[in-house]
């Protein structure tokens, strides 16, 4: 069955062990840096499928999020500023990250991202288990409902899914090749599929094509087949979706 109110009331925990999560984080930061470094000057003003962001604004958000993960002081500063702003917390946080880096040239964003990425991994890795198990003070809106996340779910899952999905966004916008491997992206995709399956709780047969894909099933429900990027675009509300693919998963 699908999630009940009591399920949603319980803080969501990561499904990955901390070591695996940090390996994926380090690789994803590296791949984002390589992608940003490869972009041509005209690519930076290309609109993305996350209006009103162009590629430069999306990269500014990625940098701001990495800097927040790298420093407890910066994390507290950004969270305080976003909490004091009007509207939804996550929207205020990402808007702050973009606005504060409006004057940065693309090359400076890339250089700073490359420098802060290892620090972001260290900042996330050093969070002890008793901290990761705590509930975040802000609720998150997913699938039209408010839910609570543990700090570990944010650190080990969301802060890697976010740059991973934005890497797809940037490749979609610019035509840059999307690098996907079973060793890295396959782990992220498997985690996404398992969460998606738990969120809708219905029988399904799923086949995702490409190097990061695979096959998953729960009983003998509807058969779905598509590539990894299309599947995740649907779950992230980047593209219209129906049926089980309309089940939102946070990125």
Protein backbone atom coordinates (compact mmCIF):
# COMPACT_ATOMS: atom_id res chain seq x y z
CA UNK A 1 0.00 0.00 0.00
CA UNK A 2 1.05 3.62 -0.36
CA UNK A 3 2.39 5.79 2.45
CA UNK A 4 0.01 6.51 5.33
CA UNK A 5 -0.11 9.64 7.48
CA UNK A 6 1.83 7.81 10.19
CA UNK A 7 4.52 6.86 7.66
CA UNK A 8 4.89 10.49 6.62
CA UNK A 9 4.99 11.61 10.27
CA UNK A 10 8.11 9.51 10.87
CA UNK A 11 11.31 11.32 9.82
CA UNK A 12 12.60 9.92 6.54
CA UNK A 13 15.98 8.19 6.84
CA UNK A 14 18.60 7.49 4.22
CA UNK A 15 18.69 4.01 2.69
CA UNK A 16 22.44 4.19 2.01
CA UNK A 17 25.18 3.45 4.50
CA UNK A 18 27.26 6.52 5.30
CA UNK A 19 30.45 5.28 3.65
CA UNK A 20 28.74 4.47 0.36
CA UNK A 21 26.91 7.79 0.44
CA UNK A 22 30.15 9.73 0.85
CA UNK A 23 31.81 7.86 -2.02
CA UNK A 24 28.90 8.84 -4.23
CA UNK A 25 29.09 12.43 -3.00
CA UNK A 26 32.78 12.75 -3.85
CA UNK A 27 32.30 11.32 -7.34
CA UNK A 28 29.23 13.46 -8.05
CA UNK A 29 30.95 16.69 -7.04
CA UNK A 30 33.82 15.75 -9.34
CA UNK A 31 31.50 15.04 -12.27
CA UNK A 32 29.67 18.33 -11.80
CA UNK A 33 32.99 20.18 -11.74
CA UNK A 34 34.10 18.44 -14.93
CA UNK A 35 30.82 19.29 -16.65
CA UNK A 36 30.97 22.95 -15.65
CA UNK A 37 34.60 23.17 -16.76
CA UNK A 38 33.65 21.77 -20.19
CA UNK A 39 30.92 24.31 -20.96
CA UNK A 40 31.33 26.90 -23.69
CA UNK A 41 30.76 30.58 -22.91
CA UNK A 42 27.38 30.62 -24.66
CA UNK A 43 26.16 27.64 -22.61
CA UNK A 44 26.04 29.65 -19.39
CA UNK A 45 23.11 31.80 -20.52
CA UNK A 46 21.04 28.86 -21.78
CA UNK A 47 17.67 28.45 -20.01
CA UNK A 48 17.18 25.24 -18.02
CA UNK A 49 14.02 23.32 -17.27
CA UNK A 50 14.05 24.88 -13.78
CA UNK A 51 12.66 28.36 -14.52
CA UNK A 52 13.77 31.05 -14.02
CA UNK A 53 17.30 29.64 -13.81
CA UNK A 54 19.73 29.62 -16.70
CA UNK A 55 22.85 27.45 -16.50
CA UNK A 56 24.83 30.13 -14.66
CA UNK A 57 22.13 30.50 -12.00
CA UNK A 58 21.94 26.72 -11.60
CA UNK A 59 25.71 26.55 -11.17
CA UNK A 60 25.51 29.36 -8.60
CA UNK A 61 22.99 27.30 -6.63
CA UNK A 62 25.24 24.24 -6.84
CA UNK A 63 28.16 26.28 -5.53
CA UNK A 64 26.09 27.77 -2.72
CA UNK A 65 24.86 24.34 -1.64
CA UNK A 66 28.39 22.92 -1.69
CA UNK A 67 29.68 25.84 0.38
CA UNK A 68 26.86 25.28 2.86
CA UNK A 69 27.86 21.61 3.20
CA UNK A 70 31.54 22.51 3.60
CA UNK A 71 31.21 24.85 6.58
CA UNK A 72 29.03 24.67 9.68
CA UNK A 73 29.25 28.44 10.02
CA UNK A 74 28.12 28.96 6.41
CA UNK A 75 25.35 26.41 6.91
CA UNK A 76 24.02 28.30 9.92
CA UNK A 77 24.23 31.61 8.08
CA UNK A 78 22.35 30.38 5.02
CA UNK A 79 19.71 28.56 7.06
CA UNK A 80 19.11 31.62 9.24
CA UNK A 81 18.78 33.91 6.24
CA UNK A 82 16.41 31.52 4.45
CA UNK A 83 14.33 30.99 7.59
CA UNK A 84 13.90 34.73 8.00
CA UNK A 85 12.79 35.15 4.38
CA UNK A 86 9.21 34.86 3.19
CA UNK A 87 7.82 31.76 1.52
CA UNK A 88 8.87 28.11 1.38
CA UNK A 89 12.21 27.45 3.10
CA UNK A 90 13.92 25.51 0.29
CA UNK A 91 12.86 28.11 -2.28
CA UNK A 92 14.22 30.88 -0.08
CA UNK A 93 17.47 28.97 0.45
CA UNK A 94 18.14 28.33 -3.23
CA UNK A 95 17.17 31.89 -4.15
CA UNK A 96 19.67 33.16 -1.58
CA UNK A 97 22.42 30.99 -3.06
CA UNK A 98 21.77 32.30 -6.55
CA UNK A 99 21.30 35.95 -5.57
CA UNK A 100 24.50 36.09 -3.53
CA UNK A 101 26.53 34.87 -6.54
CA UNK A 102 24.93 37.00 -9.23
CA UNK A 103 28.11 38.96 -9.89
CA UNK A 104 30.36 35.90 -10.21
CA UNK A 105 31.74 35.10 -13.66
CA UNK A 106 31.31 31.50 -14.88
CA UNK A 107 35.04 30.81 -14.60
CA UNK A 108 35.05 31.98 -10.99
CA UNK A 109 32.08 29.73 -10.18
CA UNK A 110 33.93 26.74 -11.63
CA UNK A 111 37.18 27.51 -9.80
CA UNK A 112 35.43 28.00 -6.49
CA UNK A 113 33.32 24.88 -6.95
CA UNK A 114 36.39 22.76 -7.63
CA UNK A 115 38.04 24.15 -4.48
CA UNK A 116 35.07 23.68 -2.16
CA UNK A 117 33.92 20.23 -3.36
CA UNK A 118 36.42 18.20 -1.27
CA UNK A 119 35.56 20.34 1.76
CA UNK A 120 31.86 19.66 1.19
CA UNK A 121 32.52 15.91 1.25
CA UNK A 122 34.54 16.24 4.46
CA UNK A 123 31.84 18.38 6.05
CA UNK A 124 29.17 15.81 5.26
CA UNK A 125 31.36 12.83 6.19
CA UNK A 126 32.24 14.09 9.66
CA UNK A 127 28.63 14.41 10.85
CA UNK A 128 28.29 11.80 13.63
CA UNK A 129 25.54 9.21 13.67
CA UNK A 130 23.61 10.80 16.52
CA UNK A 131 23.41 14.04 14.53
CA UNK A 132 22.42 12.30 11.30
CA UNK A 133 19.61 10.56 13.15
CA UNK A 134 18.00 13.80 14.30
CA UNK A 135 14.97 15.28 12.55
CA UNK A 136 15.42 18.50 10.58
CA UNK A 137 13.46 21.43 12.04
CA UNK A 138 11.88 22.34 8.69
CA UNK A 139 9.31 20.12 7.00
CA UNK A 140 9.58 19.44 3.27
CA UNK A 141 6.75 19.42 0.72
CA UNK A 142 6.78 16.21 -1.35
CA UNK A 143 3.90 14.90 -3.40
CA UNK A 144 1.58 17.56 -2.02
CA UNK A 145 2.22 16.62 1.62
CA UNK A 146 4.56 17.90 4.32
CA UNK A 147 7.07 15.39 5.63
CA UNK A 148 10.01 15.41 8.01
CA UNK A 149 13.52 14.33 7.07
CA UNK A 150 16.40 13.26 9.24
CA UNK A 151 19.63 15.22 8.90
CA UNK A 152 21.20 12.01 7.61
CA UNK A 153 18.68 11.83 4.76
CA UNK A 154 19.67 15.36 3.77
CA UNK A 155 23.43 14.76 4.07
CA UNK A 156 23.67 11.25 2.64
CA UNK A 157 20.90 11.33 0.01
CA UNK A 158 19.52 14.72 -1.00
CA UNK A 159 22.81 16.63 -1.16
CA UNK A 160 24.02 14.11 -3.75
CA UNK A 161 20.76 13.71 -5.66
CA UNK A 162 20.52 17.49 -6.03
CA UNK A 163 23.76 17.99 -8.03
CA UNK A 164 23.13 14.70 -9.85
CA UNK A 165 19.74 15.89 -11.10
CA UNK A 166 21.09 19.32 -11.95
CA UNK A 167 23.86 17.66 -13.96
CA UNK A 168 21.10 16.10 -16.06
CA UNK A 169 19.40 19.51 -16.29
CA UNK A 170 22.57 21.19 -17.56
CA UNK A 171 23.21 18.45 -20.10
CA UNK A 172 19.61 18.74 -21.30
CA UNK A 173 19.99 22.49 -21.67
CA UNK A 174 23.37 22.58 -23.39
CA UNK A 175 23.56 19.29 -25.25
CA UNK A 176 26.66 18.29 -23.29
CA UNK A 177 27.14 14.52 -23.01
CA UNK A 178 25.65 13.00 -19.87
CA UNK A 179 28.19 10.72 -18.22
CA UNK A 180 26.51 7.76 -16.51
CA UNK A 181 28.14 4.61 -15.11
CA UNK A 182 26.85 1.62 -13.24
CA UNK A 183 29.44 2.02 -10.46
CA UNK A 184 28.37 5.55 -9.54
CA UNK A 185 25.06 6.55 -11.12
CA UNK A 186 23.68 3.03 -10.89
CA UNK A 187 23.87 3.21 -7.09
CA UNK A 188 22.08 6.57 -7.05
CA UNK A 189 19.39 5.33 -9.43
CA UNK A 190 18.81 2.13 -7.44
CA UNK A 191 18.30 4.23 -4.31
CA UNK A 192 15.84 6.48 -6.17
CA UNK A 193 13.88 3.51 -7.53
CA UNK A 194 13.64 1.89 -4.11
CA UNK A 195 12.37 5.09 -2.53
CA UNK A 196 9.89 5.59 -5.38
CA UNK A 197 8.61 2.03 -4.92
CA UNK A 198 8.19 2.58 -1.19
CA UNK A 199 6.37 5.86 -1.70
CA UNK A 200 3.69 4.45 -3.99
CA UNK A 201 3.63 0.91 -2.57
CA UNK A 202 2.00 -0.58 -5.68
CA UNK A 203 2.96 -3.61 -7.82
CA UNK A 204 5.17 -2.72 -10.79
CA UNK A 205 7.75 -4.02 -13.24
CA UNK A 206 10.37 -1.42 -14.18
CA UNK A 207 13.18 -1.55 -16.70
CA UNK A 208 15.52 1.42 -17.02
CA UNK A 209 17.85 1.38 -20.01
CA UNK A 210 21.43 2.60 -20.21
CA UNK A 211 24.61 1.97 -18.20
CA UNK A 212 23.06 3.18 -14.92
CA UNK A 213 19.81 1.27 -15.43
CA UNK A 214 18.51 -2.13 -14.45
CA UNK A 215 15.34 -4.03 -13.67
CA UNK A 216 13.14 -3.89 -10.58
CA UNK A 217 9.80 -5.48 -9.75
CA UNK A 218 7.20 -5.75 -7.04
CA UNK A 219 4.68 -8.40 -8.04
CA UNK A 220 3.20 -8.30 -11.53
CA UNK A 221 1.94 -4.76 -11.87
CA UNK A 222 2.20 -2.28 -14.76
CA UNK A 223 5.30 -2.68 -16.92
CA UNK A 224 7.32 0.49 -17.39
CA UNK A 225 10.39 0.98 -19.57
CA UNK A 226 12.39 4.14 -20.26
CA UNK A 227 15.89 5.53 -19.91
CA UNK A 228 17.26 6.59 -16.54
CA UNK A 229 17.15 10.34 -17.21
CA UNK A 230 13.52 10.26 -18.41
CA UNK A 231 12.47 8.26 -15.35
CA UNK A 232 14.12 10.69 -12.96
CA UNK A 233 12.83 13.76 -14.82
CA UNK A 234 9.30 12.44 -14.26
CA UNK A 235 9.83 11.76 -10.56
CA UNK A 236 11.47 15.17 -10.08
CA UNK A 237 8.53 16.93 -11.77
CA UNK A 238 10.74 18.02 -14.66
CA UNK A 239 8.35 16.42 -17.16
CA UNK A 240 4.66 15.50 -17.31
CA UNK A 241 3.95 12.08 -15.80
CA UNK A 242 0.99 9.83 -15.09
CA UNK A 243 0.32 6.62 -13.23
CA UNK A 244 3.09 5.45 -10.94
CA UNK A 245 5.54 7.87 -12.57
CA UNK A 246 3.53 10.72 -11.06
CA UNK A 247 4.83 9.67 -7.63
CA UNK A 248 7.19 12.47 -6.61
CA UNK A 249 10.64 11.70 -5.22
CA UNK A 250 12.75 14.57 -3.81
CA UNK A 251 16.04 15.54 -5.44
